[in-house]
C-alpha atoms as a PDB file:
ATOM      1  CA  MET A   1     -14.362  18.871  29.225  1.00  0.00           C
ATOM      2  CA  LYS A   2     -16.929  16.722  27.448  1.00  0.00           C
ATOM      3  CA  VAL A   3     -18.230  17.723  24.017  1.00  0.00           C
ATOM      4  CA  SER A   4     -21.729  16.774  22.842  1.00  0.00           C
ATOM      5  CA  ILE A   5     -21.804  16.354  19.066  1.00  0.00           C
ATOM      6  CA  ILE A   6     -25.339  16.775  17.772  1.00  0.00           C
ATOM      7  CA  ILE A   7     -26.088  15.569  14.255  1.00  0.00           C
ATOM      8  CA  PRO A   8     -29.525  15.962  12.657  1.00  0.00           C
ATOM      9  CA  VAL A   9     -29.852  13.513   9.779  1.00  0.00           C
ATOM     10  CA  LEU A  10     -32.462  12.745   7.119  1.00  0.00           C
ATOM     11  CA  ASP A  11     -32.119   9.561   5.026  1.00  0.00           C
ATOM     12  CA  SER A  12     -28.329   9.752   4.653  1.00  0.00           C
ATOM     13  CA  PRO A  13     -26.891   6.477   5.999  1.00  0.00           C
ATOM     14  CA  LYS A  14     -23.823   6.565   3.745  1.00  0.00           C
ATOM     15  CA  ASP A  15     -22.961  10.159   4.694  1.00  0.00           C
ATOM     16  CA  LEU A  16     -23.609   9.369   8.357  1.00  0.00           C
ATOM     17  CA  SER A  17     -21.154   6.472   8.201  1.00  0.00           C
ATOM     18  CA  PHE A  18     -18.422   8.731   6.752  1.00  0.00           C
ATOM     19  CA  LEU A  19     -19.096  11.354   9.425  1.00  0.00           C
ATOM     20  CA  ILE A  20     -18.936   8.905  12.334  1.00  0.00           C
ATOM     21  CA  LYS A  21     -15.651   7.488  11.005  1.00  0.00           C
ATOM     22  CA  ALA A  22     -14.235  11.034  10.859  1.00  0.00           C
ATOM     23  CA  ILE A  23     -15.393  11.726  14.415  1.00  0.00           C
ATOM     24  CA  LEU A  24     -13.702   8.545  15.646  1.00  0.00           C
ATOM     25  CA  GLU A  25     -10.440   9.724  14.046  1.00  0.00           C
ATOM     26  CA  GLN A  26     -10.451  12.996  16.000  1.00  0.00           C
ATOM     27  CA  SER A  27      -7.491  13.618  18.291  1.00  0.00           C
ATOM     28  CA  TYR A  28      -9.808  14.838  21.086  1.00  0.00           C
ATOM     29  CA  GLN A  29     -11.794  11.870  22.387  1.00  0.00           C
ATOM     30  CA  ASN A  30     -13.921  13.129  25.298  1.00  0.00           C
ATOM     31  CA  PHE A  31     -17.241  13.330  23.480  1.00  0.00           C
ATOM     32  CA  GLU A  32     -20.693  11.915  23.033  1.00  0.00           C
ATOM     33  CA  ILE A  33     -22.619  11.640  19.775  1.00  0.00           C
ATOM     34  CA  ILE A  34     -26.307  12.430  19.569  1.00  0.00           C
ATOM     35  CA  ILE A  35     -28.022  11.488  16.310  1.00  0.00           C
ATOM     36  CA  VAL A  36     -31.445  13.028  15.692  1.00  0.00           C
ATOM     37  CA  ASP A  37     -32.931  11.046  12.819  1.00  0.00           C
ATOM     38  CA  THR A  38     -35.723  13.005  11.137  1.00  0.00           C
ATOM     39  CA  SER A  39     -36.500  10.375   8.483  1.00  0.00           C
ATOM     40  CA  GLU A  40     -39.725   8.399   8.423  1.00  0.00           C
ATOM     41  CA  ASN A  41     -37.888   5.074   8.355  1.00  0.00           C
ATOM     42  CA  ASN A  42     -34.969   3.871  10.460  1.00  0.00           C
ATOM     43  CA  SER A  43     -32.370   3.462   7.693  1.00  0.00           C
ATOM     44  CA  ASN A  44     -29.855   5.578   9.624  1.00  0.00           C
ATOM     45  CA  LYS A  45     -30.188   3.466  12.774  1.00  0.00           C
ATOM     46  CA  GLN A  46     -28.822   0.393  10.973  1.00  0.00           C
ATOM     47  CA  ILE A  47     -25.528   2.221  10.349  1.00  0.00           C
ATOM     48  CA  LEU A  48     -25.150   3.044  14.038  1.00  0.00           C
ATOM     49  CA  SER A  49     -25.048  -0.610  15.052  1.00  0.00           C
ATOM     50  CA  ASN A  50     -21.585  -0.777  13.422  1.00  0.00           C
ATOM     51  CA  TYR A  51     -20.257   1.850  15.857  1.00  0.00           C
ATOM     52  CA  ASN A  52     -22.119   1.406  19.167  1.00  0.00           C
ATOM     53  CA  SER A  53     -19.466  -0.970  20.489  1.00  0.00           C
ATOM     54  CA  LYS A  54     -16.744   1.662  19.867  1.00  0.00           C
ATOM     55  CA  ILE A  55     -18.506   4.722  21.287  1.00  0.00           C
ATOM     56  CA  PRO A  56     -21.843   5.430  22.912  1.00  0.00           C
ATOM     57  CA  ILE A  57     -24.301   6.937  20.467  1.00  0.00           C
ATOM     58  CA  ASN A  58     -27.580   8.407  21.627  1.00  0.00           C
ATOM     59  CA  TYR A  59     -30.119   7.792  18.843  1.00  0.00           C
ATOM     60  CA  ILE A  60     -33.327   9.835  18.767  1.00  0.00           C
ATOM     61  CA  HIS A  61     -35.941   9.074  16.103  1.00  0.00           C
ATOM     62  CA  ALA A  62     -37.916  12.269  15.464  1.00  0.00           C
ATOM     63  CA  PRO A  63     -39.663  11.914  12.088  1.00  0.00           C
ATOM     64  CA  GLY A  64     -40.633  15.119  10.369  1.00  0.00           C
ATOM     65  CA  TYR A  65     -38.553  17.437  12.557  1.00  0.00           C
ATOM     66  CA  TYR A  66     -37.006  20.317  10.659  1.00  0.00           C
ATOM     67  CA  PRO A  67     -33.245  20.887  11.244  1.00  0.00           C
ATOM     68  CA  GLY A  68     -33.632  23.552  13.945  1.00  0.00           C
ATOM     69  CA  LYS A  69     -36.047  21.479  15.998  1.00  0.00           C
ATOM     70  CA  ALA A  70     -33.820  18.421  15.567  1.00  0.00           C
ATOM     71  CA  ARG A  71     -30.808  20.380  16.875  1.00  0.00           C
ATOM     72  CA  ASN A  72     -32.820  21.647  19.843  1.00  0.00           C
ATOM     73  CA  THR A  73     -33.984  18.108  20.612  1.00  0.00           C
ATOM     74  CA  GLY A  74     -30.388  16.894  20.538  1.00  0.00           C
ATOM     75  CA  PHE A  75     -29.370  19.725  22.841  1.00  0.00           C
ATOM     76  CA  LEU A  76     -32.014  18.705  25.382  1.00  0.00           C
ATOM     77  CA  HIS A  77     -30.467  15.206  25.473  1.00  0.00           C
ATOM     78  CA  SER A  78     -26.854  16.388  25.714  1.00  0.00           C
ATOM     79  CA  ALA A  79     -24.573  15.988  28.730  1.00  0.00           C
ATOM     80  CA  GLY A  80     -21.495  17.846  27.496  1.00  0.00           C
ATOM     81  CA  GLU A  81     -20.121  21.144  28.703  1.00  0.00           C
ATOM     82  CA  LEU A  82     -19.544  22.143  25.060  1.00  0.00           C
ATOM     83  CA  ILE A  83     -21.981  21.613  22.198  1.00  0.00           C
ATOM     84  CA  ALA A  84     -20.952  20.989  18.594  1.00  0.00           C
ATOM     85  CA  PHE A  85     -23.541  20.909  15.833  1.00  0.00           C
ATOM     86  CA  LEU A  86     -22.507  19.024  12.696  1.00  0.00           C
ATOM     87  CA  ASP A  87     -24.470  18.477   9.536  1.00  0.00           C
ATOM     88  CA  VAL A  88     -24.280  14.976   8.154  1.00  0.00           C
ATOM     89  CA  ARG A  89     -22.252  16.145   5.134  1.00  0.00           C
ATOM     90  CA  THR A  90     -19.750  18.132   7.224  1.00  0.00           C
ATOM     91  CA  ILE A  91     -16.646  15.982   7.632  1.00  0.00           C
ATOM     92  CA  PRO A  92     -14.229  17.456  10.205  1.00  0.00           C
ATOM     93  CA  LYS A  93     -10.460  17.158   9.926  1.00  0.00           C
ATOM     94  CA  ASN A  94      -8.951  14.942  12.613  1.00  0.00           C
ATOM     95  CA  THR A  95      -7.706  17.878  14.712  1.00  0.00           C
ATOM     96  CA  GLN A  96     -10.783  20.112  14.509  1.00  0.00           C
ATOM     97  CA  ARG A  97     -12.160  19.330  17.981  1.00  0.00           C
ATOM     98  CA  ARG A  98      -8.683  19.591  19.567  1.00  0.00           C
ATOM     99  CA  LYS A  99      -8.257  23.078  18.079  1.00  0.00           C
ATOM    100  CA  CYS A 100     -11.680  24.139  19.378  1.00  0.00           C
ATOM    101  CA  TRP A 101     -10.847  22.741  22.821  1.00  0.00           C
ATOM    102  CA  ASN A 102      -7.576  24.686  22.848  1.00  0.00           C
ATOM    103  CA  LEU A 103      -9.487  27.906  22.120  1.00  0.00           C
ATOM    104  CA  PHE A 104     -11.902  27.317  25.006  1.00  0.00           C
ATOM    105  CA  SER A 105      -9.256  26.236  27.492  1.00  0.00           C
ATOM    106  CA  ALA A 106      -7.127  29.325  26.737  1.00  0.00           C
ATOM    107  CA  THR A 107      -9.845  31.676  27.966  1.00  0.00           C
END
């Protein structure tokens, strides 16, 4: 089952880099990342070029979107059967997605 990870971000390239590294270290690897960048500039997009060769990242530039609208926009672009919303300063432990998957597959 594919998980769509939707991350709204506003001018936080350093935090975004830490978050993407943590996502790559997850034990569950069937996922896509959708970044909804609400900043006026593209400072976050530069960080993504370091990771695009490792995983596909869907980048959406939506300046001025508030967090709820950014999450909804990411959802509209998602292809996963499960949706995970992460804030840019929320760093998951490396087994977090596996534990969530186990909960869903048990039902």
